[in-house]
Protein backbone atom coordinates (compact mmCIF):
# COMPACT_ATOMS: atom_id res chain seq x y z
CA MET A 1 147.46 48.88 96.65
CA ARG A 2 149.76 47.93 99.53
CA ASN A 3 153.33 46.59 99.86
CA LEU A 4 154.40 46.30 96.24
CA ALA A 5 157.84 45.05 97.33
CA LEU A 6 156.25 42.02 98.98
CA LYS A 7 153.65 41.45 96.24
CA TYR A 8 156.28 41.38 93.47
CA ARG A 9 159.05 39.60 95.36
CA PRO A 10 160.53 36.97 92.95
CA LYS A 11 159.71 33.36 93.80
CA THR A 12 162.20 31.49 91.56
CA LEU A 13 165.81 31.84 90.42
CA ASP A 14 164.60 32.63 86.90
CA ALA A 15 162.43 35.45 88.24
CA MET A 16 165.29 37.03 90.20
CA VAL A 17 166.20 40.55 89.09
CA GLY A 18 169.90 41.10 88.45
CA GLN A 19 172.95 39.11 89.66
CA PRO A 20 173.73 37.45 86.30
CA HIS A 21 177.29 36.72 87.50
CA LEU A 22 175.80 34.36 90.10
CA LEU A 23 172.45 33.31 88.64
CA GLY A 24 173.07 33.20 84.88
CA GLU A 25 173.20 29.85 83.08
CA ALA A 26 176.88 29.51 83.96
CA GLY A 27 176.54 31.15 87.38
CA ILE A 28 178.23 29.17 90.13
CA LEU A 29 175.51 29.93 92.67
CA ARG A 30 172.75 28.70 90.35
CA LYS A 31 174.69 25.49 89.67
CA SER A 32 175.30 24.92 93.38
CA VAL A 33 171.62 25.39 94.25
CA GLU A 34 170.25 23.31 91.37
CA SER A 35 172.65 20.45 92.14
CA GLY A 36 171.87 20.60 95.85
CA ALA A 37 175.57 21.17 96.58
CA LEU A 38 175.32 24.59 98.22
CA LEU A 39 177.39 24.93 101.39
CA HIS A 40 176.97 27.50 104.16
CA THR A 41 176.85 30.83 102.38
CA PHE A 42 177.05 34.52 103.16
CA PHE A 43 175.69 37.16 100.79
CA TYR A 44 176.87 40.73 100.96
CA GLY A 45 175.73 43.72 98.97
CA PRO A 46 173.76 46.98 99.20
CA PRO A 47 170.16 47.16 100.43
CA GLY A 48 167.44 46.05 98.03
CA CYS A 49 169.62 43.90 95.77
CA GLY A 50 167.83 40.64 96.65
CA LYS A 51 169.77 38.96 99.48
CA THR A 52 166.75 37.89 101.55
CA THR A 53 164.73 37.04 98.46
CA LEU A 54 167.53 34.82 97.17
CA ALA A 55 167.77 32.97 100.51
CA ARG A 56 164.02 32.25 100.41
CA ILE A 57 164.22 31.02 96.83
CA ILE A 58 167.11 28.72 97.73
CA ALA A 59 165.11 27.23 100.59
CA THR A 60 162.21 26.54 98.22
CA GLN A 61 164.46 25.18 95.46
CA MET A 62 166.31 22.87 97.86
CA GLN A 63 163.04 21.95 99.66
CA ARG A 64 164.32 22.98 103.07
CA PRO A 65 162.28 24.42 105.96
CA PHE A 66 163.06 28.13 106.12
CA TYR A 67 163.69 30.11 109.31
CA GLU A 68 164.55 33.79 109.25
CA MET A 69 166.51 35.41 112.07
CA ASN A 70 168.21 38.76 112.61
CA ALA A 71 171.66 39.13 114.14
CA THR A 72 170.49 42.04 116.30
CA THR A 73 168.03 39.76 118.16
CA PHE A 74 169.79 36.43 117.60
CA LYS A 75 169.30 33.92 120.44
CA ILE A 76 171.12 30.62 120.46
CA ASP A 77 168.31 28.93 122.45
CA GLU A 78 165.88 29.78 119.65
CA LEU A 79 168.24 28.19 117.13
CA ARG A 80 168.64 25.08 119.29
CA ASN A 81 164.87 24.66 119.51
CA ILE A 82 164.53 24.91 115.73
CA LEU A 83 167.23 22.30 115.19
CA LYS A 84 165.76 20.03 117.87
CA ASN A 85 162.46 19.95 115.99
CA HIS A 86 164.30 18.79 112.85
CA THR A 87 166.58 16.21 114.45
CA HIS A 88 165.07 13.30 112.54
CA ALA A 89 163.83 15.22 109.50
CA LEU A 90 164.90 14.14 106.03
CA GLN A 91 165.72 17.72 105.09
CA LYS A 92 167.68 19.89 107.48
CA PRO A 93 166.42 23.48 107.85
CA LEU A 94 167.84 26.55 106.17
CA ILE A 95 168.61 29.20 108.79
CA PHE A 96 168.79 32.68 107.33
CA ILE A 97 170.51 35.32 109.49
CA ASP A 98 170.12 38.89 108.33
CA GLU A 99 172.62 41.64 109.25
CA VAL A 100 175.13 38.89 109.96
CA HIS A 101 177.93 41.46 110.40
CA ARG A 102 176.32 42.29 113.77
CA LEU A 103 176.99 38.84 115.21
CA SER A 104 179.50 39.04 118.04
CA LYS A 105 182.59 36.84 118.04
CA SER A 106 181.09 34.63 120.76
CA GLN A 107 177.84 34.23 118.77
CA GLN A 108 179.86 33.20 115.72
CA GLU A 109 181.75 30.64 117.80
CA VAL A 110 178.45 29.16 119.00
CA LEU A 111 177.36 28.73 115.37
CA LEU A 112 180.48 26.79 114.39
CA PRO A 113 179.43 23.34 115.71
CA PHE A 114 176.10 23.56 113.88
CA MET A 115 177.92 24.49 110.68
CA GLU A 116 180.46 21.73 111.22
CA ASN A 117 177.96 18.90 111.80
CA GLN A 118 175.63 20.12 109.01
CA SER A 119 172.60 20.19 111.31
CA ALA A 120 171.40 23.17 109.29
CA LEU A 121 172.30 25.10 106.19
CA ILE A 122 173.35 28.57 107.34
CA ILE A 123 172.88 31.51 104.98
CA GLY A 124 173.71 35.02 106.15
CA ALA A 125 173.22 38.44 104.59
CA SER A 126 175.03 41.69 105.18
CA THR A 127 175.49 45.12 103.67
CA GLU A 128 179.14 44.84 104.71
CA ASN A 129 181.83 42.55 103.38
CA PRO A 130 181.80 39.49 105.70
CA TYR A 131 185.54 39.12 105.14
CA TYR A 132 185.98 41.89 107.70
CA SER A 133 183.12 41.05 110.08
CA LEU A 134 183.22 37.24 110.20
CA THR A 135 185.92 35.23 111.94
CA ALA A 136 188.35 33.14 109.92
CA ALA A 137 186.69 30.00 111.29
CA MET A 138 183.29 31.09 109.93
CA ARG A 139 184.74 32.00 106.55
CA SER A 140 186.60 28.71 106.22
CA ARG A 141 183.30 26.82 106.55
CA SER A 142 181.36 28.87 104.03
CA HIS A 143 181.27 30.64 100.69
CA LEU A 144 181.07 34.41 100.30
CA PHE A 145 179.08 35.81 97.38
CA GLU A 146 178.79 39.48 96.50
CA LEU A 147 175.42 40.72 95.22
CA LYS A 148 175.66 43.88 93.17
CA PRO A 149 173.29 46.86 92.89
CA LEU A 150 170.67 46.29 90.22
CA ALA A 151 171.56 47.84 86.87
CA THR A 152 169.41 50.54 85.30
CA LYS A 153 168.05 48.20 82.60
CA GLU A 154 167.17 45.56 85.20
CA MET A 155 165.44 48.11 87.43
CA MET A 156 163.54 49.64 84.51
CA HIS A 157 162.39 46.26 83.20
CA TYR A 158 161.19 45.30 86.68
CA LEU A 159 159.43 48.67 87.07
CA GLU A 160 157.70 48.45 83.67
CA HIS A 161 156.28 45.04 84.56
CA ILE A 162 154.83 46.36 87.82
CA LEU A 163 153.46 49.55 86.26
CA GLN A 164 151.66 47.50 83.64
CA SER A 165 150.34 44.97 86.15
CA GLU A 166 149.10 47.68 88.55
CA LYS A 167 147.92 49.99 85.72
CA ILE A 168 149.83 52.95 87.17
CA GLU A 169 150.12 56.09 85.06
CA ILE A 170 153.52 57.78 85.18
CA GLY A 171 155.59 60.08 82.94
CA LYS A 172 158.91 59.15 81.32
CA GLU A 173 160.98 61.55 83.46
CA ALA A 174 159.29 60.29 86.61
CA LYS A 175 160.11 56.68 85.71
CA GLU A 176 163.75 57.60 85.12
CA TYR A 177 163.90 59.38 88.47
CA LEU A 178 162.34 56.40 90.24
CA VAL A 179 165.16 54.22 88.93
CA PHE A 180 168.03 56.70 89.29
CA SER A 181 167.21 57.96 92.77
CA SER A 182 166.78 54.40 94.06
CA ALA A 183 170.42 53.61 93.18
CA GLY A 184 170.01 49.92 92.46
CA ASP A 185 167.67 49.30 95.43
CA ALA A 186 164.51 47.63 94.10
CA ARG A 187 162.71 47.79 97.46
CA ALA A 188 163.32 51.54 97.76
CA MET A 189 162.07 52.05 94.20
CA LEU A 190 158.82 50.19 94.88
CA ASN A 191 158.28 51.96 98.21
CA LEU A 192 158.60 55.34 96.50
CA LEU A 193 156.28 54.21 93.70
CA GLU A 194 153.72 53.00 96.23
CA SER A 195 153.79 56.26 98.20
CA ALA A 196 153.42 58.38 95.07
CA SER A 197 150.64 56.22 93.60
CA MET A 198 148.58 56.66 96.76
CA ILE A 199 148.74 60.45 96.47
CA SER A 200 147.55 61.07 92.90
CA SER A 201 147.62 59.85 89.32
CA PRO A 202 149.45 60.22 87.04
CA ILE A 203 152.71 60.24 88.99
CA THR A 204 154.90 63.23 88.12
CA LEU A 205 158.59 64.02 88.55
CA ASP A 206 157.83 66.91 90.90
CA MET A 207 155.78 64.63 93.12
CA LEU A 208 158.61 62.11 93.38
CA LYS A 209 161.15 64.83 94.16
CA ASN A 210 158.90 66.18 96.89
CA ILE A 211 158.85 62.74 98.49
CA ARG A 212 162.54 61.95 97.85
CA PRO A 213 164.58 65.08 97.08
CA HIS A 214 167.91 63.24 96.76
CA ALA A 215 169.24 59.85 95.75
CA ILE A 216 169.09 57.53 98.76
CA GLN A 217 172.40 55.74 98.25
CA ALA A 218 175.85 56.09 96.90
CA GLY A 219 175.05 56.72 93.27
CA SER A 220 175.25 53.08 92.29
CA SER A 221 172.67 53.27 89.52
CA GLU A 222 173.79 53.09 85.93
CA SER A 223 171.96 56.13 84.67
CA GLU A 224 173.79 57.52 81.64
CA SER A 225 173.50 61.11 82.83
CA HIS A 226 174.66 60.11 86.31
CA TYR A 227 177.85 58.49 85.07
CA GLU A 228 178.46 61.02 82.32
CA LEU A 229 178.17 63.96 84.73
CA THR A 230 180.44 62.25 87.25
CA SER A 231 182.97 61.48 84.52
CA ALA A 232 182.82 65.06 83.25
CA MET A 233 183.46 66.42 86.75
CA ILE A 234 186.43 64.10 87.32
CA LYS A 235 187.96 64.87 83.92
CA SER A 236 187.51 68.61 84.50
CA ILE A 237 189.33 68.39 87.83
CA ARG A 238 192.06 66.26 86.27
CA GLY A 239 192.39 68.93 83.58
CA SER A 240 192.54 71.69 86.26
CA ASP A 241 189.45 73.51 84.91
CA ILE A 242 187.88 74.85 88.10
CA ASP A 243 184.76 76.39 86.55
CA ALA A 244 183.90 73.29 84.52
CA ALA A 245 184.38 71.08 87.58
CA ILE A 246 182.11 73.30 89.69
CA TYR A 247 179.50 73.33 86.92
CA TYR A 248 179.32 69.53 86.77
CA LEU A 249 179.32 69.33 90.56
CA ALA A 250 176.29 71.65 90.57
CA ARG A 251 174.59 69.47 87.93
CA LEU A 252 175.12 66.39 90.09
CA ILE A 253 173.81 68.10 93.22
CA ASP A 254 170.79 69.53 91.41
CA GLY A 255 170.06 66.10 89.94
CA GLY A 256 169.77 64.59 93.41
CA GLU A 257 173.16 62.86 93.54
CA ASN A 258 174.16 61.55 96.95
CA ALA A 259 176.76 63.79 98.66
CA GLU A 260 178.72 60.84 100.03
CA PHE A 261 179.05 59.31 96.57
CA ILE A 262 180.49 62.54 95.19
CA ALA A 263 182.93 62.80 98.11
CA ARG A 264 184.04 59.18 97.64
CA ARG A 265 184.72 59.77 93.97
CA LEU A 266 186.80 62.82 94.90
CA CYS A 267 188.76 60.75 97.42
CA ILE A 268 189.65 58.32 94.63
CA LEU A 269 190.71 61.19 92.40
CA ALA A 270 192.90 62.65 95.16
CA SER A 271 194.97 59.44 95.16
CA GLU A 272 194.71 58.48 91.50
CA ASP A 273 195.29 61.83 89.81
CA ILE A 274 197.09 63.97 92.41
CA GLY A 275 198.82 61.51 94.68
CA ASN A 276 202.12 62.66 96.15
CA ALA A 277 202.24 65.72 93.93
CA ASN A 278 200.11 67.15 96.76
CA PRO A 279 199.64 64.56 99.56
CA HIS A 280 197.43 66.96 101.52
CA ALA A 281 194.73 66.56 98.85
CA LEU A 282 193.91 63.10 100.17
CA ASN A 283 193.67 64.42 103.74
CA LEU A 284 191.29 67.16 102.63
CA ALA A 285 189.20 64.71 100.60
CA SER A 286 188.98 62.32 103.56
CA SER A 287 187.91 65.16 105.84
CA ALA A 288 185.29 66.28 103.32
CA LEU A 289 183.86 62.76 103.12
CA ASN A 290 183.56 62.62 106.90
CA ILE A 291 181.93 66.05 107.01
CA VAL A 292 179.29 65.42 104.34
CA LYS A 293 178.33 62.15 106.07
CA HIS A 294 177.32 64.16 109.12
CA ILE A 295 175.86 67.36 107.71
CA GLY A 296 174.19 66.34 104.42
CA TYR A 297 172.58 68.78 102.03
CA PRO A 298 172.21 71.69 101.63
CA GLU A 299 175.40 72.60 103.57
CA ALA A 300 177.38 69.67 102.09
CA ARG A 301 177.40 71.49 98.74
CA ILE A 302 179.81 74.07 100.24
CA THR A 303 182.27 71.44 101.47
CA LEU A 304 182.16 69.67 98.11
CA SER A 305 182.72 72.95 96.28
CA GLN A 306 185.75 73.75 98.45
CA LEU A 307 187.21 70.31 97.80
CA VAL A 308 186.61 70.44 94.03
CA ILE A 309 188.34 73.82 93.78
CA TYR A 310 191.31 72.58 95.82
CA LEU A 311 191.70 69.40 93.77
CA ALA A 312 191.40 71.22 90.44
CA SER A 313 194.06 73.70 91.61
CA SER A 314 196.52 71.00 92.76
CA PRO A 315 199.48 69.68 90.74
CA LYS A 316 198.65 66.31 89.17
CA SER A 317 200.54 63.01 89.17
CA ASN A 318 199.33 59.44 88.65
CA SER A 319 202.67 57.85 89.64
CA ALA A 320 201.22 56.03 92.66
CA TYR A 321 198.30 54.74 90.55
CA LEU A 322 200.63 53.44 87.84
CA ALA A 323 203.05 51.90 90.36
CA ILE A 324 200.50 49.72 92.16
CA ASN A 325 198.86 48.70 88.86
CA GLU A 326 202.23 47.59 87.50
CA ALA A 327 203.06 45.65 90.67
CA ILE A 328 199.69 43.83 90.67
CA LYS A 329 200.06 43.03 86.98
CA ASN A 330 203.51 41.62 87.70
CA ILE A 331 202.13 39.34 90.43
CA LYS A 332 199.16 38.19 88.34
CA ASN A 333 201.60 37.25 85.59
CA GLY A 334 203.10 34.75 88.00
CA GLU A 335 206.21 36.61 89.13
CA ILE A 336 205.95 35.50 92.77
CA ASP A 337 209.39 35.67 94.35
CA PRO A 338 210.25 34.26 97.77
CA ILE A 339 211.04 36.71 100.57
CA PRO A 340 214.81 37.01 101.13
CA ASP A 341 215.86 35.15 104.29
CA HIS A 342 217.49 38.16 105.91
CA ILE A 343 214.20 40.16 106.13
CA LYS A 344 212.01 37.32 107.39
CA THR A 345 210.66 37.38 110.94
CA HIS A 346 213.42 36.85 113.54
CA ALA A 347 216.15 36.85 110.87
CA LYS A 348 219.55 37.15 112.53
CA ASN A 349 221.41 38.75 109.62
CA TYR A 350 218.94 41.62 109.03
CA LEU A 351 220.69 44.98 108.87
CA TYR A 352 218.75 47.49 111.02
CA PRO A 353 218.78 50.88 109.17
CA HIS A 354 218.49 52.88 112.41
CA ASP A 355 221.84 51.48 113.55
CA THR A 356 223.58 53.04 110.55
CA GLY A 357 222.15 56.55 110.37
CA GLY A 358 218.72 55.64 108.91
CA TRP A 359 219.72 53.70 105.79
CA VAL A 360 221.83 50.71 104.89
CA LYS A 361 222.26 49.00 101.55
CA GLN A 362 220.64 45.55 101.43
CA ASN A 363 218.27 43.65 99.14
CA TYR A 364 214.56 43.53 99.97
CA LEU A 365 213.63 41.56 96.81
CA MET A 366 215.13 38.37 95.41
CA ARG A 367 215.19 40.00 91.98
CA PRO A 368 215.31 43.75 91.26
CA LYS A 369 211.96 45.26 90.20
CA HIS A 370 211.05 48.80 89.22
CA PHE A 371 207.39 49.79 89.47
CA TYR A 372 207.52 53.39 90.64
CA HIS A 373 208.51 56.14 88.20
CA THR A 374 208.39 59.57 89.78
CA LYS A 375 207.23 62.48 87.64
CA GLN A 376 208.81 64.96 90.06
CA ILE A 377 205.67 67.12 89.96
CA GLY A 378 204.81 69.27 92.97
CA PHE A 379 205.70 67.61 96.28
CA GLU A 380 206.77 64.49 94.37
CA LYS A 381 209.96 66.39 93.48
CA THR A 382 210.66 66.93 97.18
CA LEU A 383 210.03 63.24 97.89
CA TYR A 384 212.39 62.30 95.06
CA GLU A 385 215.11 64.54 96.47
CA TRP A 386 214.58 63.14 99.96
CA HIS A 387 214.80 59.56 98.70
CA ALA A 388 217.87 60.27 96.59
CA LYS A 389 219.62 61.88 99.55
CA ILE A 390 218.67 59.04 101.94
CA THR A 391 219.85 56.25 99.63
CA LYS A 392 223.00 57.94 98.39
CA PRO A 393 225.97 55.61 99.14
């Protein structure tokens, strides 16, 4: 048995695992492909979610010659030769560029004429959001679609099919670990299964943990225990119960949870649940995230423990969280006000606060709005007093 990921790679849209938001009956990507109306497209999402597979399926569905390139070795002369060979072809080729976020600005500019004259259909894939890595000119000529990590049920269904087809013996706990530790990455799951199946049968949990001691990605699986333990840790910190928070942290670490995922969740909590009641919490959480990225387990457990204790001990306020949610809700409800003329760029009647001791009364909104409600907890009280003193007439 060799290369399960290649052997069981889906060949049609119906066989694709996951991505119902794009490939379901009402999915816009499915409709675009089936109608032949797909424009230049860039997929972004985590490893193993089906970006390359989907590009190959699209080429087959749209009956286009398929050429696969990688941004790290991309050569424009190679692309020109491909297009030259299809100058008079009825169907223009589909050029798939993997790791498209690695294209330089000059390489992207070279691609623009080919995209503009439709000499090829360009599809790119990236683990990073192309909004930040592609130029505005590239984005304006294409669609961006996010592919999501495969859900637990999708991964398990896919795994069960392969186990049955390959007649692989494996225990229930081992199957669950295969799915959980792969974190929505189907390729990683099949690679681990292949390695274990070549060692002995039946496959056991201990064997899998010996091969892969920890989850490979950022905890993006939908394992009930994974999310429940994470939720329990967050709620314990929010409730300032240090021992409970440390207990659930230990459960997550022992269960193979990725250290970076835990640190990211704690960064969110530092802003959402502590905020300006203790602004230093976010600095410490950011530092912890940077540290665990570089040191990993087992030492990362100490950094995470320090952070959890600090966060659980900090005063709590969700004022910043509530304020931005209220402001976004206001905008989505259609309350879009024009910017007052006197604070627009190069306005001549703008009152410069530094000319009048640091503050001057003037309107920054066309209509008064009130999103932020301080709870005056911890350092928030100091900020409130500062603001009141600054804005006092």
